[in-house]
Amino acid sequence: MNHTLVKNIDFFVAALSQSVVSAWQEDPAGVYCEIGSGYVEMFSDNYVRIRNQDGTKSHYARDITMFQLKM
């Protein structure tokens, strides 16, 4: 079972433990699709920056993205 990250403390713990996090967004049909994964580098109340496993960085808006720890 995956743990959904919602609160700032969730993102802090994920960043500190260097856990892999997946980012999910709804497609036009309302189905959640995984759009990225990696390590939390930075977060704010509005955005999360994830360092992808290939080293690139992606920014995701917290209000339209669901984040889960990959286990």
PDB file of N, CA and C in Angstrom:
ATOM      1  N   MET A   1       0.845  -1.180   0.000  1.00  0.00           N
ATOM      2  CA  MET A   1       0.000   0.000   0.000  1.00  0.00           C
ATOM      3  C   MET A   1       0.894   1.248   0.000  1.00  0.00           C
ATOM      4  N   ASN A   2       0.561   2.213  -0.822  1.00  0.00           N
ATOM      5  CA  ASN A   2       1.324   3.446  -0.913  1.00  0.00           C
ATOM      6  C   ASN A   2       0.780   4.484   0.054  1.00  0.00           C
ATOM      7  N   HIS A   3       1.676   5.301   0.574  1.00  0.00           N
ATOM      8  CA  HIS A   3       1.314   6.374   1.495  1.00  0.00           C
ATOM      9  C   HIS A   3       1.215   7.676   0.710  1.00  0.00           C
ATOM     10  N   THR A   4       0.092   8.367   0.815  1.00  0.00           N
ATOM     11  CA  THR A   4      -0.104   9.637   0.121  1.00  0.00           C
ATOM     12  C   THR A   4       0.487  10.765   0.957  1.00  0.00           C
ATOM     13  N   LEU A   5       1.265  11.627   0.297  1.00  0.00           N
ATOM     14  CA  LEU A   5       1.875  12.774   0.959  1.00  0.00           C
ATOM     15  C   LEU A   5       0.924  13.965   0.829  1.00  0.00           C
ATOM     16  N   VAL A   6       0.571  14.538   1.962  1.00  0.00           N
ATOM     17  CA  VAL A   6      -0.372  15.652   1.959  1.00  0.00           C
ATOM     18  C   VAL A   6       0.202  16.851   2.714  1.00  0.00           C
ATOM     19  N   LYS A   7       0.714  16.616   3.902  1.00  0.00           N
ATOM     20  CA  LYS A   7       1.194  17.692   4.768  1.00  0.00           C
ATOM     21  C   LYS A   7       2.663  17.988   4.505  1.00  0.00           C
ATOM     22  N   ASN A   8       3.095  19.186   4.925  1.00  0.00           N
ATOM     23  CA  ASN A   8       4.505  19.559   4.771  1.00  0.00           C
ATOM     24  C   ASN A   8       5.426  18.563   5.465  1.00  0.00           C
ATOM     25  N   ILE A   9       5.018  18.045   6.612  1.00  0.00           N
ATOM     26  CA  ILE A   9       5.865  17.087   7.331  1.00  0.00           C
ATOM     27  C   ILE A   9       6.055  15.813   6.509  1.00  0.00           C
ATOM     28  N   ASP A  10       5.042  15.416   5.726  1.00  0.00           N
ATOM     29  CA  ASP A  10       5.164  14.240   4.859  1.00  0.00           C
ATOM     30  C   ASP A  10       6.265  14.458   3.820  1.00  0.00           C
ATOM     31  N   PHE A  11       6.278  15.641   3.213  1.00  0.00           N
ATOM     32  CA  PHE A  11       7.297  15.956   2.207  1.00  0.00           C
ATOM     33  C   PHE A  11       8.675  16.076   2.849  1.00  0.00           C
ATOM     34  N   PHE A  12       8.723  16.645   4.060  1.00  0.00           N
ATOM     35  CA  PHE A  12       9.989  16.782   4.776  1.00  0.00           C
ATOM     36  C   PHE A  12      10.600  15.412   5.070  1.00  0.00           C
ATOM     37  N   VAL A  13       9.785  14.485   5.569  1.00  0.00           N
ATOM     38  CA  VAL A  13      10.268  13.142   5.886  1.00  0.00           C
ATOM     39  C   VAL A  13      10.706  12.415   4.613  1.00  0.00           C
ATOM     40  N   ALA A  14       9.952  12.562   3.534  1.00  0.00           N
ATOM     41  CA  ALA A  14      10.322  11.928   2.262  1.00  0.00           C
ATOM     42  C   ALA A  14      11.647  12.478   1.745  1.00  0.00           C
ATOM     43  N   ALA A  15      11.840  13.792   1.861  1.00  0.00           N
ATOM     44  CA  ALA A  15      13.097  14.402   1.409  1.00  0.00           C
ATOM     45  C   ALA A  15      14.267  13.957   2.283  1.00  0.00           C
ATOM     46  N   LEU A  16      14.052  13.945   3.580  1.00  0.00           N
ATOM     47  CA  LEU A  16      15.113  13.570   4.512  1.00  0.00           C
ATOM     48  C   LEU A  16      15.526  12.107   4.350  1.00  0.00           C
ATOM     49  N   SER A  17      14.562  11.238   4.118  1.00  0.00           N
ATOM     50  CA  SER A  17      14.856   9.807   3.990  1.00  0.00           C
ATOM     51  C   SER A  17      15.233   9.414   2.565  1.00  0.00           C
ATOM     52  N   GLN A  18      15.178  10.377   1.631  1.00  0.00           N
ATOM     53  CA  GLN A  18      15.472  10.120   0.226  1.00  0.00           C
ATOM     54  C   GLN A  18      14.633   8.967  -0.327  1.00  0.00           C
ATOM     55  N   SER A  19      13.350   8.980   0.039  1.00  0.00           N
ATOM     56  CA  SER A  19      12.396   7.991  -0.461  1.00  0.00           C
ATOM     57  C   SER A  19      11.929   8.386  -1.858  1.00  0.00           C
ATOM     58  N   VAL A  20      11.661   7.399  -2.695  1.00  0.00           N
ATOM     59  CA  VAL A  20      11.146   7.671  -4.034  1.00  0.00           C
ATOM     60  C   VAL A  20       9.666   8.019  -3.923  1.00  0.00           C
ATOM     61  N   VAL A  21       9.302   9.129  -4.563  1.00  0.00           N
ATOM     62  CA  VAL A  21       7.937   9.638  -4.550  1.00  0.00           C
ATOM     63  C   VAL A  21       7.424   9.647  -5.983  1.00  0.00           C
ATOM     64  N   SER A  22       6.180   9.244  -6.173  1.00  0.00           N
ATOM     65  CA  SER A  22       5.568   9.318  -7.500  1.00  0.00           C
ATOM     66  C   SER A  22       4.541  10.446  -7.522  1.00  0.00           C
ATOM     67  N   ALA A  23       4.427  11.096  -8.682  1.00  0.00           N
ATOM     68  CA  ALA A  23       3.485  12.199  -8.879  1.00  0.00           C
ATOM     69  C   ALA A  23       2.393  11.734  -9.830  1.00  0.00           C
ATOM     70  N   TRP A  24       1.134  12.013  -9.455  1.00  0.00           N
ATOM     71  CA  TRP A  24      -0.018  11.577 -10.231  1.00  0.00           C
ATOM     72  C   TRP A  24      -0.927  12.759 -10.514  1.00  0.00           C
ATOM     73  N   GLN A  25      -1.451  12.822 -11.751  1.00  0.00           N
ATOM     74  CA  GLN A  25      -2.434  13.840 -12.100  1.00  0.00           C
ATOM     75  C   GLN A  25      -3.574  13.198 -12.868  1.00  0.00           C
ATOM     76  N   GLU A  26      -4.735  13.841 -12.794  1.00  0.00           N
ATOM     77  CA  GLU A  26      -5.918  13.346 -13.505  1.00  0.00           C
ATOM     78  C   GLU A  26      -5.825  13.662 -14.988  1.00  0.00           C
ATOM     79  N   ASP A  27      -6.213  12.692 -15.824  1.00  0.00           N
ATOM     80  CA  ASP A  27      -6.319  12.950 -17.254  1.00  0.00           C
ATOM     81  C   ASP A  27      -7.718  13.501 -17.543  1.00  0.00           C
ATOM     82  N   PRO A  28      -8.021  13.860 -18.788  1.00  0.00           N
ATOM     83  CA  PRO A  28      -9.334  14.440 -19.094  1.00  0.00           C
ATOM     84  C   PRO A  28     -10.527  13.536 -18.728  1.00  0.00           C
ATOM     85  N   ALA A  29     -10.295  12.229 -18.655  1.00  0.00           N
ATOM     86  CA  ALA A  29     -11.373  11.298 -18.308  1.00  0.00           C
ATOM     87  C   ALA A  29     -11.536  11.150 -16.798  1.00  0.00           C
ATOM     88  N   GLY A  30     -10.674  11.819 -16.016  1.00  0.00           N
ATOM     89  CA  GLY A  30     -10.760  11.748 -14.561  1.00  0.00           C
ATOM     90  C   GLY A  30     -10.011  10.593 -13.946  1.00  0.00           C
ATOM     91  N   VAL A  31      -9.135   9.962 -14.735  1.00  0.00           N
ATOM     92  CA  VAL A  31      -8.342   8.832 -14.258  1.00  0.00           C
ATOM     93  C   VAL A  31      -6.950   9.338 -13.873  1.00  0.00           C
ATOM     94  N   TYR A  32      -6.470   8.947 -12.686  1.00  0.00           N
ATOM     95  CA  TYR A  32      -5.130   9.361 -12.267  1.00  0.00           C
ATOM     96  C   TYR A  32      -4.068   8.559 -13.017  1.00  0.00           C
ATOM     97  N   CYS A  33      -3.077   9.267 -13.542  1.00  0.00           N
ATOM     98  CA  CYS A  33      -1.964   8.663 -14.272  1.00  0.00           C
ATOM     99  C   CYS A  33      -0.660   9.134 -13.633  1.00  0.00           C
ATOM    100  N   GLU A  34       0.309   8.240 -13.526  1.00  0.00           N
ATOM    101  CA  GLU A  34       1.614   8.621 -12.989  1.00  0.00           C
ATOM    102  C   GLU A  34       2.346   9.446 -14.031  1.00  0.00           C
ATOM    103  N   ILE A  35       2.785  10.629 -13.635  1.00  0.00           N
ATOM    104  CA  ILE A  35       3.448  11.531 -14.581  1.00  0.00           C
ATOM    105  C   ILE A  35       4.921  11.723 -14.268  1.00  0.00           C
ATOM    106  N   GLY A  36       5.380  11.188 -13.135  1.00  0.00           N
ATOM    107  CA  GLY A  36       6.787  11.313 -12.785  1.00  0.00           C
ATOM    108  C   GLY A  36       7.080  10.670 -11.449  1.00  0.00           C
ATOM    109  N   SER A  37       8.375  10.496 -11.196  1.00  0.00           N
ATOM    110  CA  SER A  37       8.797   9.972  -9.895  1.00  0.00           C
ATOM    111  C   SER A  37      10.236  10.370  -9.648  1.00  0.00           C
ATOM    112  N   GLY A  38      10.610  10.360  -8.393  1.00  0.00           N
ATOM    113  CA  GLY A  38      11.965  10.723  -8.009  1.00  0.00           C
ATOM    114  C   GLY A  38      12.033  11.103  -6.551  1.00  0.00           C
ATOM    115  N   TYR A  39      12.981  11.983  -6.235  1.00  0.00           N
ATOM    116  CA  TYR A  39      13.268  12.363  -4.854  1.00  0.00           C
ATOM    117  C   TYR A  39      12.865  13.815  -4.613  1.00  0.00           C
ATOM    118  N   VAL A  40      12.198  14.070  -3.501  1.00  0.00           N
ATOM    119  CA  VAL A  40      11.787  15.431  -3.155  1.00  0.00           C
ATOM    120  C   VAL A  40      13.033  16.254  -2.842  1.00  0.00           C
ATOM    121  N   GLU A  41      13.215  17.349  -3.574  1.00  0.00           N
ATOM    122  CA  GLU A  41      14.341  18.260  -3.325  1.00  0.00           C
ATOM    123  C   GLU A  41      13.898  19.491  -2.564  1.00  0.00           C
ATOM    124  N   MET A  42      12.763  20.043  -2.962  1.00  0.00           N
ATOM    125  CA  MET A  42      12.230  21.253  -2.333  1.00  0.00           C
ATOM    126  C   MET A  42      10.719  21.169  -2.360  1.00  0.00           C
ATOM    127  N   PHE A  43      10.081  21.874  -1.427  1.00  0.00           N
ATOM    128  CA  PHE A  43       8.633  21.950  -1.440  1.00  0.00           C
ATOM    129  C   PHE A  43       8.199  23.247  -0.788  1.00  0.00           C
ATOM    130  N   SER A  44       7.040  23.708  -1.201  1.00  0.00           N
ATOM    131  CA  SER A  44       6.411  24.878  -0.585  1.00  0.00           C
ATOM    132  C   SER A  44       4.931  24.541  -0.444  1.00  0.00           C
ATOM    133  N   ASP A  45       4.145  25.499  -0.038  1.00  0.00           N
ATOM    134  CA  ASP A  45       2.708  25.259   0.058  1.00  0.00           C
ATOM    135  C   ASP A  45       2.068  25.084  -1.315  1.00  0.00           C
ATOM    136  N   ASN A  46       2.762  25.526  -2.374  1.00  0.00           N
ATOM    137  CA  ASN A  46       2.189  25.489  -3.717  1.00  0.00           C
ATOM    138  C   ASN A  46       2.829  24.469  -4.657  1.00  0.00           C
ATOM    139  N   TYR A  47       4.125  24.233  -4.518  1.00  0.00           N
ATOM    140  CA  TYR A  47       4.849  23.391  -5.475  1.00  0.00           C
ATOM    141  C   TYR A  47       5.754  22.392  -4.770  1.00  0.00           C
ATOM    142  N   VAL A  48       6.073  21.310  -5.511  1.00  0.00           N
ATOM    143  CA  VAL A  48       7.054  20.323  -5.070  1.00  0.00           C
ATOM    144  C   VAL A  48       8.041  20.138  -6.219  1.00  0.00           C
ATOM    145  N   ARG A  49       9.342  20.218  -5.914  1.00  0.00           N
ATOM    146  CA  ARG A  49      10.363  19.949  -6.926  1.00  0.00           C
ATOM    147  C   ARG A  49      10.906  18.550  -6.679  1.00  0.00           C
ATOM    148  N   ILE A  50      10.853  17.734  -7.722  1.00  0.00           N
ATOM    149  CA  ILE A  50      11.327  16.355  -7.647  1.00  0.00           C
ATOM    150  C   ILE A  50      12.513  16.192  -8.586  1.00  0.00           C
ATOM    151  N   ARG A  51      13.576  15.579  -8.053  1.00  0.00           N
ATOM    152  CA  ARG A  51      14.729  15.210  -8.883  1.00  0.00           C
ATOM    153  C   ARG A  51      14.452  13.816  -9.420  1.00  0.00           C
ATOM    154  N   ASN A  52      14.247  13.747 -10.726  1.00  0.00           N
ATOM    155  CA  ASN A  52      13.941  12.481 -11.363  1.00  0.00           C
ATOM    156  C   ASN A  52      15.157  11.559 -11.301  1.00  0.00           C
ATOM    157  N   GLN A  53      14.940  10.284 -11.516  1.00  0.00           N
ATOM    158  CA  GLN A  53      16.024   9.313 -11.379  1.00  0.00           C
ATOM    159  C   GLN A  53      17.096   9.484 -12.444  1.00  0.00           C
ATOM    160  N   ASP A  54      16.795  10.228 -13.521  1.00  0.00           N
ATOM    161  CA  ASP A  54      17.819  10.515 -14.527  1.00  0.00           C
ATOM    162  C   ASP A  54      18.548  11.827 -14.241  1.00  0.00           C
ATOM    163  N   GLY A  55      18.227  12.475 -13.117  1.00  0.00           N
ATOM    164  CA  GLY A  55      18.905  13.699 -12.706  1.00  0.00           C
ATOM    165  C   GLY A  55      18.195  14.984 -13.084  1.00  0.00           C
ATOM    166  N   THR A  56      17.202  14.920 -13.966  1.00  0.00           N
ATOM    167  CA  THR A  56      16.452  16.123 -14.318  1.00  0.00           C
ATOM    168  C   THR A  56      15.514  16.491 -13.183  1.00  0.00           C
ATOM    169  N   LYS A  57      15.021  17.716 -13.207  1.00  0.00           N
ATOM    170  CA  LYS A  57      14.142  18.202 -12.139  1.00  0.00           C
ATOM    171  C   LYS A  57      12.793  18.591 -12.715  1.00  0.00           C
ATOM    172  N   SER A  58      11.752  18.280 -11.978  1.00  0.00           N
ATOM    173  CA  SER A  58      10.389  18.619 -12.380  1.00  0.00           C
ATOM    174  C   SER A  58       9.691  19.321 -11.234  1.00  0.00           C
ATOM    175  N   HIS A  59       8.825  20.262 -11.577  1.00  0.00           N
ATOM    176  CA  HIS A  59       8.029  20.990 -10.593  1.00  0.00           C
ATOM    177  C   HIS A  59       6.564  20.624 -10.774  1.00  0.00           C
ATOM    178  N   TYR A  60       5.886  20.355  -9.659  1.00  0.00           N
ATOM    179  CA  TYR A  60       4.483  19.957  -9.704  1.00  0.00           C
ATOM    180  C   TYR A  60       3.683  20.826  -8.742  1.00  0.00           C
ATOM    181  N   ALA A  61       2.529  21.290  -9.209  1.00  0.00           N
ATOM    182  CA  ALA A  61       1.625  22.077  -8.363  1.00  0.00           C
ATOM    183  C   ALA A  61       0.927  21.134  -7.387  1.00  0.00           C
ATOM    184  N   ARG A  62       0.944  21.476  -6.114  1.00  0.00           N
ATOM    185  CA  ARG A  62       0.343  20.615  -5.090  1.00  0.00           C
ATOM    186  C   ARG A  62      -1.169  20.541  -5.190  1.00  0.00           C
ATOM    187  N   ASP A  63      -1.814  21.578  -5.739  1.00  0.00           N
ATOM    188  CA  ASP A  63      -3.276  21.567  -5.784  1.00  0.00           C
ATOM    189  C   ASP A  63      -3.846  20.653  -6.874  1.00  0.00           C
ATOM    190  N   ILE A  64      -3.037  20.252  -7.862  1.00  0.00           N
ATOM    191  CA  ILE A  64      -3.545  19.377  -8.926  1.00  0.00           C
ATOM    192  C   ILE A  64      -2.785  18.060  -9.023  1.00  0.00           C
ATOM    193  N   THR A  65      -1.847  17.834  -8.118  1.00  0.00           N
ATOM    194  CA  THR A  65      -1.016  16.629  -8.176  1.00  0.00           C
ATOM    195  C   THR A  65      -1.157  15.849  -6.878  1.00  0.00           C
ATOM    196  N   MET A  66      -1.233  14.530  -7.002  1.00  0.00           N
ATOM    197  CA  MET A  66      -1.236  13.645  -5.843  1.00  0.00           C
ATOM    198  C   MET A  66       0.157  13.016  -5.759  1.00  0.00           C
ATOM    199  N   PHE A  67       0.731  13.002  -4.574  1.00  0.00           N
ATOM    200  CA  PHE A  67       2.067  12.451  -4.358  1.00  0.00           C
ATOM    201  C   PHE A  67       1.978  11.234  -3.467  1.00  0.00           C
ATOM    202  N   GLN A  68       2.688  10.172  -3.856  1.00  0.00           N
ATOM    203  CA  GLN A  68       2.690   8.956  -3.061  1.00  0.00           C
ATOM    204  C   GLN A  68       4.115   8.445  -2.902  1.00  0.00           C
ATOM    205  N   LEU A  69       4.413   7.888  -1.709  1.00  0.00           N
ATOM    206  CA  LEU A  69       5.669   7.193  -1.509  1.00  0.00           C
ATOM    207  C   LEU A  69       5.609   5.894  -2.275  1.00  0.00           C
ATOM    208  N   LYS A  70       6.676   5.570  -2.995  1.00  0.00           N
ATOM    209  CA  LYS A  70       6.740   4.291  -3.674  1.00  0.00           C
ATOM    210  C   LYS A  70       7.337   3.278  -2.716  1.00  0.00           C
ATOM    211  N   MET A  71       6.637   2.189  -2.524  1.00  0.00           N
ATOM    212  CA  MET A  71       7.119   1.160  -1.607  1.00  0.00           C
ATOM    213  C   MET A  71       7.346  -0.137  -2.340  1.00  0.00           C
TER     214      MET A  71
END
